[in-house]
Amino acid sequence: MIEGKFITTLPSVVGYEVEKSQGLLIEDSIISVHKALKDLVKKAEKLDCNALVNVRFDSGANGYIAYGEAVVVREKPFSY
């Protein structure tokens, strides 16, 4: 987690269910992939999302890219 947000490369957060999706978000940075990820988290926060799923990273001549789906998750009820 970064800044209290769930971040995963999986399509969902284990133990939680996706309530709402705000779609794909993309951020780039010429500084570092960590900066691109932090900016991605900030963008998700503005949409009231508490998780990023399907997160991926890429780099090229112009810098780094972080992208993923911004979602709202809630803990699954306990069941056997």
PDB file of N, CA and C in Angstrom:
ATOM      1  N   MET A   1       0.840  -1.185   0.000  1.00  0.00           N
ATOM      2  CA  MET A   1       0.000   0.000   0.000  1.00  0.00           C
ATOM      3  C   MET A   1       0.883   1.245   0.000  1.00  0.00           C
ATOM      4  N   ILE A   2       0.420   2.260  -0.688  1.00  0.00           N
ATOM      5  CA  ILE A   2       1.055   3.563  -0.660  1.00  0.00           C
ATOM      6  C   ILE A   2       0.016   4.560  -0.184  1.00  0.00           C
ATOM      7  N   GLU A   3       0.356   5.325   0.846  1.00  0.00           N
ATOM      8  CA  GLU A   3      -0.541   6.358   1.362  1.00  0.00           C
ATOM      9  C   GLU A   3      -1.936   5.813   1.657  1.00  0.00           C
ATOM     10  N   GLY A   4      -2.000   4.605   2.224  1.00  0.00           N
ATOM     11  CA  GLY A   4      -3.280   4.034   2.616  1.00  0.00           C
ATOM     12  C   GLY A   4      -4.121   3.492   1.476  1.00  0.00           C
ATOM     13  N   LYS A   5      -3.547   3.332   0.307  1.00  0.00           N
ATOM     14  CA  LYS A   5      -4.276   2.806  -0.852  1.00  0.00           C
ATOM     15  C   LYS A   5      -3.780   1.402  -1.166  1.00  0.00           C
ATOM     16  N   PHE A   6      -4.687   0.568  -1.649  1.00  0.00           N
ATOM     17  CA  PHE A   6      -4.303  -0.755  -2.121  1.00  0.00           C
ATOM     18  C   PHE A   6      -3.821  -0.609  -3.561  1.00  0.00           C
ATOM     19  N   ILE A   7      -2.694  -1.224  -3.852  1.00  0.00           N
ATOM     20  CA  ILE A   7      -2.153  -1.204  -5.204  1.00  0.00           C
ATOM     21  C   ILE A   7      -1.728  -2.622  -5.538  1.00  0.00           C
ATOM     22  N   THR A   8      -2.236  -3.145  -6.654  1.00  0.00           N
ATOM     23  CA  THR A   8      -1.917  -4.521  -7.015  1.00  0.00           C
ATOM     24  C   THR A   8      -1.875  -4.692  -8.532  1.00  0.00           C
ATOM     25  N   THR A   9      -1.102  -5.657  -8.965  1.00  0.00           N
ATOM     26  CA  THR A   9      -1.083  -6.017 -10.382  1.00  0.00           C
ATOM     27  C   THR A   9      -2.190  -7.008 -10.708  1.00  0.00           C
ATOM     28  N   LEU A  10      -2.865  -7.508  -9.668  1.00  0.00           N
ATOM     29  CA  LEU A  10      -3.975  -8.446  -9.851  1.00  0.00           C
ATOM     30  C   LEU A  10      -5.239  -7.685 -10.265  1.00  0.00           C
ATOM     31  N   PRO A  11      -6.244  -8.389 -10.790  1.00  0.00           N
ATOM     32  CA  PRO A  11      -7.479  -7.721 -11.188  1.00  0.00           C
ATOM     33  C   PRO A  11      -8.385  -7.340 -10.025  1.00  0.00           C
ATOM     34  N   SER A  12      -8.031  -7.750  -8.798  1.00  0.00           N
ATOM     35  CA  SER A  12      -8.804  -7.373  -7.613  1.00  0.00           C
ATOM     36  C   SER A  12      -7.887  -7.434  -6.396  1.00  0.00           C
ATOM     37  N   VAL A  13      -8.355  -6.869  -5.288  1.00  0.00           N
ATOM     38  CA  VAL A  13      -7.617  -6.909  -4.029  1.00  0.00           C
ATOM     39  C   VAL A  13      -8.098  -8.135  -3.258  1.00  0.00           C
ATOM     40  N   VAL A  14      -7.186  -8.994  -2.879  1.00  0.00           N
ATOM     41  CA  VAL A  14      -7.530 -10.231  -2.183  1.00  0.00           C
ATOM     42  C   VAL A  14      -8.251  -9.896  -0.877  1.00  0.00           C
ATOM     43  N   GLY A  15      -9.424 -10.519  -0.679  1.00  0.00           N
ATOM     44  CA  GLY A  15     -10.210 -10.304   0.520  1.00  0.00           C
ATOM     45  C   GLY A  15     -11.180  -9.137   0.418  1.00  0.00           C
ATOM     46  N   TYR A  16     -11.182  -8.471  -0.723  1.00  0.00           N
ATOM     47  CA  TYR A  16     -12.058  -7.318  -0.940  1.00  0.00           C
ATOM     48  C   TYR A  16     -12.813  -7.514  -2.244  1.00  0.00           C
ATOM     49  N   GLU A  17     -13.946  -6.839  -2.366  1.00  0.00           N
ATOM     50  CA  GLU A  17     -14.683  -6.891  -3.623  1.00  0.00           C
ATOM     51  C   GLU A  17     -14.795  -5.492  -4.203  1.00  0.00           C
ATOM     52  N   VAL A  18     -14.758  -5.424  -5.518  1.00  0.00           N
ATOM     53  CA  VAL A  18     -14.832  -4.149  -6.210  1.00  0.00           C
ATOM     54  C   VAL A  18     -16.285  -3.682  -6.226  1.00  0.00           C
ATOM     55  N   GLU A  19     -16.520  -2.501  -5.670  1.00  0.00           N
ATOM     56  CA  GLU A  19     -17.857  -1.908  -5.662  1.00  0.00           C
ATOM     57  C   GLU A  19     -18.094  -1.033  -6.885  1.00  0.00           C
ATOM     58  N   LYS A  20     -17.032  -0.327  -7.289  1.00  0.00           N
ATOM     59  CA  LYS A  20     -17.179   0.655  -8.358  1.00  0.00           C
ATOM     60  C   LYS A  20     -15.848   0.854  -9.055  1.00  0.00           C
ATOM     61  N   SER A  21     -15.876   1.017 -10.359  1.00  0.00           N
ATOM     62  CA  SER A  21     -14.676   1.295 -11.136  1.00  0.00           C
ATOM     63  C   SER A  21     -14.784   2.680 -11.757  1.00  0.00           C
ATOM     64  N   GLN A  22     -13.695   3.419 -11.688  1.00  0.00           N
ATOM     65  CA  GLN A  22     -13.632   4.737 -12.325  1.00  0.00           C
ATOM     66  C   GLN A  22     -12.843   4.681 -13.628  1.00  0.00           C
ATOM     67  N   GLY A  23     -12.443   3.471 -14.025  1.00  0.00           N
ATOM     68  CA  GLY A  23     -11.764   3.304 -15.299  1.00  0.00           C
ATOM     69  C   GLY A  23     -10.245   3.380 -15.207  1.00  0.00           C
ATOM     70  N   LEU A  24      -9.640   3.350 -16.367  1.00  0.00           N
ATOM     71  CA  LEU A  24      -8.180   3.333 -16.493  1.00  0.00           C
ATOM     72  C   LEU A  24      -7.599   4.720 -16.277  1.00  0.00           C
ATOM     73  N   LEU A  25      -6.549   4.787 -15.464  1.00  0.00           N
ATOM     74  CA  LEU A  25      -5.823   6.036 -15.234  1.00  0.00           C
ATOM     75  C   LEU A  25      -4.390   5.847 -15.701  1.00  0.00           C
ATOM     76  N   ILE A  26      -3.802   6.908 -16.225  1.00  0.00           N
ATOM     77  CA  ILE A  26      -2.423   6.856 -16.712  1.00  0.00           C
ATOM     78  C   ILE A  26      -1.676   8.086 -16.203  1.00  0.00           C
ATOM     79  N   GLU A  27      -0.459   7.882 -15.726  1.00  0.00           N
ATOM     80  CA  GLU A  27       0.416   8.976 -15.316  1.00  0.00           C
ATOM     81  C   GLU A  27       1.815   8.707 -15.838  1.00  0.00           C
ATOM     82  N   ASP A  28       2.524   9.784 -16.152  1.00  0.00           N
ATOM     83  CA  ASP A  28       3.901   9.625 -16.613  1.00  0.00           C
ATOM     84  C   ASP A  28       4.817  10.542 -15.823  1.00  0.00           C
ATOM     85  N   SER A  29       6.097  10.239 -15.873  1.00  0.00           N
ATOM     86  CA  SER A  29       7.102  11.029 -15.179  1.00  0.00           C
ATOM     87  C   SER A  29       8.443  10.861 -15.881  1.00  0.00           C
ATOM     88  N   ILE A  30       9.188  11.941 -15.957  1.00  0.00           N
ATOM     89  CA  ILE A  30      10.547  11.823 -16.500  1.00  0.00           C
ATOM     90  C   ILE A  30      11.546  11.547 -15.384  1.00  0.00           C
ATOM     91  N   ILE A  31      11.067  11.633 -14.116  1.00  0.00           N
ATOM     92  CA  ILE A  31      11.952  11.464 -12.959  1.00  0.00           C
ATOM     93  C   ILE A  31      12.140   9.998 -12.589  1.00  0.00           C
ATOM     94  N   SER A  32      11.016   9.292 -12.294  1.00  0.00           N
ATOM     95  CA  SER A  32      11.113   7.895 -11.879  1.00  0.00           C
ATOM     96  C   SER A  32       9.754   7.215 -11.985  1.00  0.00           C
ATOM     97  N   VAL A  33       9.763   5.905 -11.967  1.00  0.00           N
ATOM     98  CA  VAL A  33       8.523   5.137 -11.988  1.00  0.00           C
ATOM     99  C   VAL A  33       7.782   5.333 -10.657  1.00  0.00           C
ATOM    100  N   HIS A  34       8.516   5.517  -9.567  1.00  0.00           N
ATOM    101  CA  HIS A  34       7.891   5.755  -8.267  1.00  0.00           C
ATOM    102  C   HIS A  34       7.088   7.060  -8.289  1.00  0.00           C
ATOM    103  N   LYS A  35       7.624   8.095  -8.912  1.00  0.00           N
ATOM    104  CA  LYS A  35       6.909   9.375  -9.034  1.00  0.00           C
ATOM    105  C   LYS A  35       5.646   9.198  -9.867  1.00  0.00           C
ATOM    106  N   ALA A  36       5.729   8.454 -10.957  1.00  0.00           N
ATOM    107  CA  ALA A  36       4.553   8.200 -11.790  1.00  0.00           C
ATOM    108  C   ALA A  36       3.486   7.460 -10.980  1.00  0.00           C
ATOM    109  N   LEU A  37       3.909   6.490 -10.160  1.00  0.00           N
ATOM    110  CA  LEU A  37       2.965   5.737  -9.331  1.00  0.00           C
ATOM    111  C   LEU A  37       2.320   6.631  -8.275  1.00  0.00           C
ATOM    112  N   LYS A  38       3.124   7.471  -7.611  1.00  0.00           N
ATOM    113  CA  LYS A  38       2.569   8.384  -6.602  1.00  0.00           C
ATOM    114  C   LYS A  38       1.553   9.338  -7.233  1.00  0.00           C
ATOM    115  N   ASP A  39       1.833   9.817  -8.435  1.00  0.00           N
ATOM    116  CA  ASP A  39       0.893  10.701  -9.132  1.00  0.00           C
ATOM    117  C   ASP A  39      -0.376   9.946  -9.524  1.00  0.00           C
ATOM    118  N   LEU A  40      -0.226   8.675  -9.869  1.00  0.00           N
ATOM    119  CA  LEU A  40      -1.380   7.836 -10.198  1.00  0.00           C
ATOM    120  C   LEU A  40      -2.285   7.665  -8.964  1.00  0.00           C
ATOM    121  N   VAL A  41      -1.669   7.459  -7.809  1.00  0.00           N
ATOM    122  CA  VAL A  41      -2.416   7.330  -6.557  1.00  0.00           C
ATOM    123  C   VAL A  41      -3.173   8.626  -6.258  1.00  0.00           C
ATOM    124  N   LYS A  42      -2.531   9.762  -6.458  1.00  0.00           N
ATOM    125  CA  LYS A  42      -3.185  11.055  -6.219  1.00  0.00           C
ATOM    126  C   LYS A  42      -4.382  11.244  -7.139  1.00  0.00           C
ATOM    127  N   LYS A  43      -4.235  10.835  -8.389  1.00  0.00           N
ATOM    128  CA  LYS A  43      -5.335  10.948  -9.344  1.00  0.00           C
ATOM    129  C   LYS A  43      -6.505  10.060  -8.907  1.00  0.00           C
ATOM    130  N   ALA A  44      -6.207   8.863  -8.417  1.00  0.00           N
ATOM    131  CA  ALA A  44      -7.253   7.952  -7.933  1.00  0.00           C
ATOM    132  C   ALA A  44      -7.951   8.534  -6.702  1.00  0.00           C
ATOM    133  N   GLU A  45      -7.185   9.177  -5.817  1.00  0.00           N
ATOM    134  CA  GLU A  45      -7.757   9.805  -4.627  1.00  0.00           C
ATOM    135  C   GLU A  45      -8.777  10.875  -5.005  1.00  0.00           C
ATOM    136  N   LYS A  46      -8.478  11.650  -6.030  1.00  0.00           N
ATOM    137  CA  LYS A  46      -9.390  12.704  -6.467  1.00  0.00           C
ATOM    138  C   LYS A  46     -10.721  12.125  -6.952  1.00  0.00           C
ATOM    139  N   LEU A  47     -10.706  10.862  -7.369  1.00  0.00           N
ATOM    140  CA  LEU A  47     -11.925  10.187  -7.809  1.00  0.00           C
ATOM    141  C   LEU A  47     -12.560   9.383  -6.672  1.00  0.00           C
ATOM    142  N   ASP A  48     -12.080   9.583  -5.442  1.00  0.00           N
ATOM    143  CA  ASP A  48     -12.570   8.882  -4.245  1.00  0.00           C
ATOM    144  C   ASP A  48     -12.387   7.376  -4.318  1.00  0.00           C
ATOM    145  N   CYS A  49     -11.327   6.924  -4.957  1.00  0.00           N
ATOM    146  CA  CYS A  49     -11.011   5.492  -5.038  1.00  0.00           C
ATOM    147  C   CYS A  49     -10.014   5.138  -3.945  1.00  0.00           C
ATOM    148  N   ASN A  50     -10.121   3.916  -3.442  1.00  0.00           N
ATOM    149  CA  ASN A  50      -9.195   3.471  -2.399  1.00  0.00           C
ATOM    150  C   ASN A  50      -8.289   2.336  -2.869  1.00  0.00           C
ATOM    151  N   ALA A  51      -8.312   2.054  -4.181  1.00  0.00           N
ATOM    152  CA  ALA A  51      -7.445   0.988  -4.699  1.00  0.00           C
ATOM    153  C   ALA A  51      -7.150   1.202  -6.178  1.00  0.00           C
ATOM    154  N   LEU A  52      -6.011   0.667  -6.576  1.00  0.00           N
ATOM    155  CA  LEU A  52      -5.635   0.591  -7.986  1.00  0.00           C
ATOM    156  C   LEU A  52      -5.360  -0.873  -8.295  1.00  0.00           C
ATOM    157  N   VAL A  53      -6.026  -1.411  -9.308  1.00  0.00           N
ATOM    158  CA  VAL A  53      -5.825  -2.805  -9.694  1.00  0.00           C
ATOM    159  C   VAL A  53      -5.300  -2.854 -11.130  1.00  0.00           C
ATOM    160  N   ASN A  54      -4.780  -4.004 -11.515  1.00  0.00           N
ATOM    161  CA  ASN A  54      -4.198  -4.189 -12.851  1.00  0.00           C
ATOM    162  C   ASN A  54      -3.116  -3.156 -13.148  1.00  0.00           C
ATOM    163  N   VAL A  55      -2.322  -2.815 -12.133  1.00  0.00           N
ATOM    164  CA  VAL A  55      -1.293  -1.790 -12.282  1.00  0.00           C
ATOM    165  C   VAL A  55      -0.134  -2.336 -13.110  1.00  0.00           C
ATOM    166  N   ARG A  56       0.321  -1.507 -14.035  1.00  0.00           N
ATOM    167  CA  ARG A  56       1.450  -1.863 -14.898  1.00  0.00           C
ATOM    168  C   ARG A  56       2.379  -0.662 -15.017  1.00  0.00           C
ATOM    169  N   PHE A  57       3.624  -0.940 -15.386  1.00  0.00           N
ATOM    170  CA  PHE A  57       4.626   0.094 -15.573  1.00  0.00           C
ATOM    171  C   PHE A  57       5.291  -0.103 -16.925  1.00  0.00           C
ATOM    172  N   ASP A  58       5.760   0.992 -17.484  1.00  0.00           N
ATOM    173  CA  ASP A  58       6.494   0.930 -18.736  1.00  0.00           C
ATOM    174  C   ASP A  58       7.506   2.070 -18.728  1.00  0.00           C
ATOM    175  N   SER A  59       8.547   1.930 -19.515  1.00  0.00           N
ATOM    176  CA  SER A  59       9.535   3.001 -19.629  1.00  0.00           C
ATOM    177  C   SER A  59       9.985   3.095 -21.076  1.00  0.00           C
ATOM    178  N   GLY A  60      10.445   4.263 -21.414  1.00  0.00           N
ATOM    179  CA  GLY A  60      10.921   4.501 -22.771  1.00  0.00           C
ATOM    180  C   GLY A  60      11.825   5.716 -22.785  1.00  0.00           C
ATOM    181  N   ALA A  61      12.088   6.198 -23.963  1.00  0.00           N
ATOM    182  CA  ALA A  61      12.983   7.337 -24.122  1.00  0.00           C
ATOM    183  C   ALA A  61      12.439   8.601 -23.459  1.00  0.00           C
ATOM    184  N   ASN A  62      11.123   8.693 -23.307  1.00  0.00           N
ATOM    185  CA  ASN A  62      10.502   9.890 -22.733  1.00  0.00           C
ATOM    186  C   ASN A  62      10.214   9.778 -21.248  1.00  0.00           C
ATOM    187  N   GLY A  63      10.614   8.695 -20.605  1.00  0.00           N
ATOM    188  CA  GLY A  63      10.406   8.555 -19.165  1.00  0.00           C
ATOM    189  C   GLY A  63       9.664   7.295 -18.785  1.00  0.00           C
ATOM    190  N   TYR A  64       8.894   7.402 -17.731  1.00  0.00           N
ATOM    191  CA  TYR A  64       8.214   6.255 -17.146  1.00  0.00           C
ATOM    192  C   TYR A  64       6.702   6.467 -17.169  1.00  0.00           C
ATOM    193  N   ILE A  65       5.966   5.366 -17.284  1.00  0.00           N
ATOM    194  CA  ILE A  65       4.509   5.413 -17.287  1.00  0.00           C
ATOM    195  C   ILE A  65       3.998   4.402 -16.272  1.00  0.00           C
ATOM    196  N   ALA A  66       3.007   4.820 -15.495  1.00  0.00           N
ATOM    197  CA  ALA A  66       2.293   3.923 -14.590  1.00  0.00           C
ATOM    198  C   ALA A  66       0.820   4.019 -14.955  1.00  0.00           C
ATOM    199  N   TYR A  67       0.167   2.867 -15.035  1.00  0.00           N
ATOM    200  CA  TYR A  67      -1.260   2.890 -15.343  1.00  0.00           C
ATOM    201  C   TYR A  67      -1.964   1.742 -14.642  1.00  0.00           C
ATOM    202  N   GLY A  68      -3.258   1.932 -14.405  1.00  0.00           N
ATOM    203  CA  GLY A  68      -4.061   0.922 -13.735  1.00  0.00           C
ATOM    204  C   GLY A  68      -5.494   1.386 -13.619  1.00  0.00           C
ATOM    205  N   GLU A  69      -6.338   0.492 -13.146  1.00  0.00           N
ATOM    206  CA  GLU A  69      -7.756   0.786 -12.996  1.00  0.00           C
ATOM    207  C   GLU A  69      -8.038   1.286 -11.575  1.00  0.00           C
ATOM    208  N   ALA A  70      -8.653   2.451 -11.476  1.00  0.00           N
ATOM    209  CA  ALA A  70      -9.011   3.034 -10.181  1.00  0.00           C
ATOM    210  C   ALA A  70     -10.359   2.469  -9.744  1.00  0.00           C
ATOM    211  N   VAL A  71     -10.399   1.897  -8.539  1.00  0.00           N
ATOM    212  CA  VAL A  71     -11.626   1.261  -8.056  1.00  0.00           C
ATOM    213  C   VAL A  71     -11.881   1.596  -6.594  1.00  0.00           C
ATOM    214  N   VAL A  72     -13.126   1.382  -6.202  1.00  0.00           N
ATOM    215  CA  VAL A  72     -13.516   1.445  -4.791  1.00  0.00           C
ATOM    216  C   VAL A  72     -13.751   0.005  -4.358  1.00  0.00           C
ATOM    217  N   VAL A  73     -13.056  -0.410  -3.298  1.00  0.00           N
ATOM    218  CA  VAL A  73     -13.214  -1.773  -2.789  1.00  0.00           C
ATOM    219  C   VAL A  73     -13.735  -1.731  -1.359  1.00  0.00           C
ATOM    220  N   ARG A  74     -14.415  -2.804  -0.974  1.00  0.00           N
ATOM    221  CA  ARG A  74     -14.831  -2.968   0.419  1.00  0.00           C
ATOM    222  C   ARG A  74     -14.531  -4.403   0.816  1.00  0.00           C
ATOM    223  N   GLU A  75     -14.306  -4.565   2.114  1.00  0.00           N
ATOM    224  CA  GLU A  75     -13.951  -5.884   2.625  1.00  0.00           C
ATOM    225  C   GLU A  75     -15.100  -6.855   2.427  1.00  0.00           C
ATOM    226  N   LYS A  76     -14.765  -8.067   1.974  1.00  0.00           N
ATOM    227  CA  LYS A  76     -15.783  -9.101   1.796  1.00  0.00           C
ATOM    228  C   LYS A  76     -16.282  -9.571   3.155  1.00  0.00           C
ATOM    229  N   PRO A  77     -17.552  -9.867   3.253  1.00  0.00           N
ATOM    230  CA  PRO A  77     -18.060 -10.423   4.514  1.00  0.00           C
ATOM    231  C   PRO A  77     -17.411 -11.782   4.785  1.00  0.00           C
ATOM    232  N   PHE A  78     -17.208 -12.073   6.042  1.00  0.00           N
ATOM    233  CA  PHE A  78     -16.601 -13.347   6.419  1.00  0.00           C
ATOM    234  C   PHE A  78     -17.559 -14.484   6.118  1.00  0.00           C
ATOM    235  N   SER A  79     -17.039 -15.531   5.505  1.00  0.00           N
ATOM    236  CA  SER A  79     -17.833 -16.731   5.264  1.00  0.00           C
ATOM    237  C   SER A  79     -16.919 -17.944   5.314  1.00  0.00           C
ATOM    238  N   TYR A  80     -17.501 -19.092   5.562  1.00  0.00           N
ATOM    239  CA  TYR A  80     -16.717 -20.331   5.643  1.00  0.00           C
ATOM    240  C   TYR A  80     -16.612 -20.995   4.313  1.00  0.00           C
TER     241      TYR A  80
END
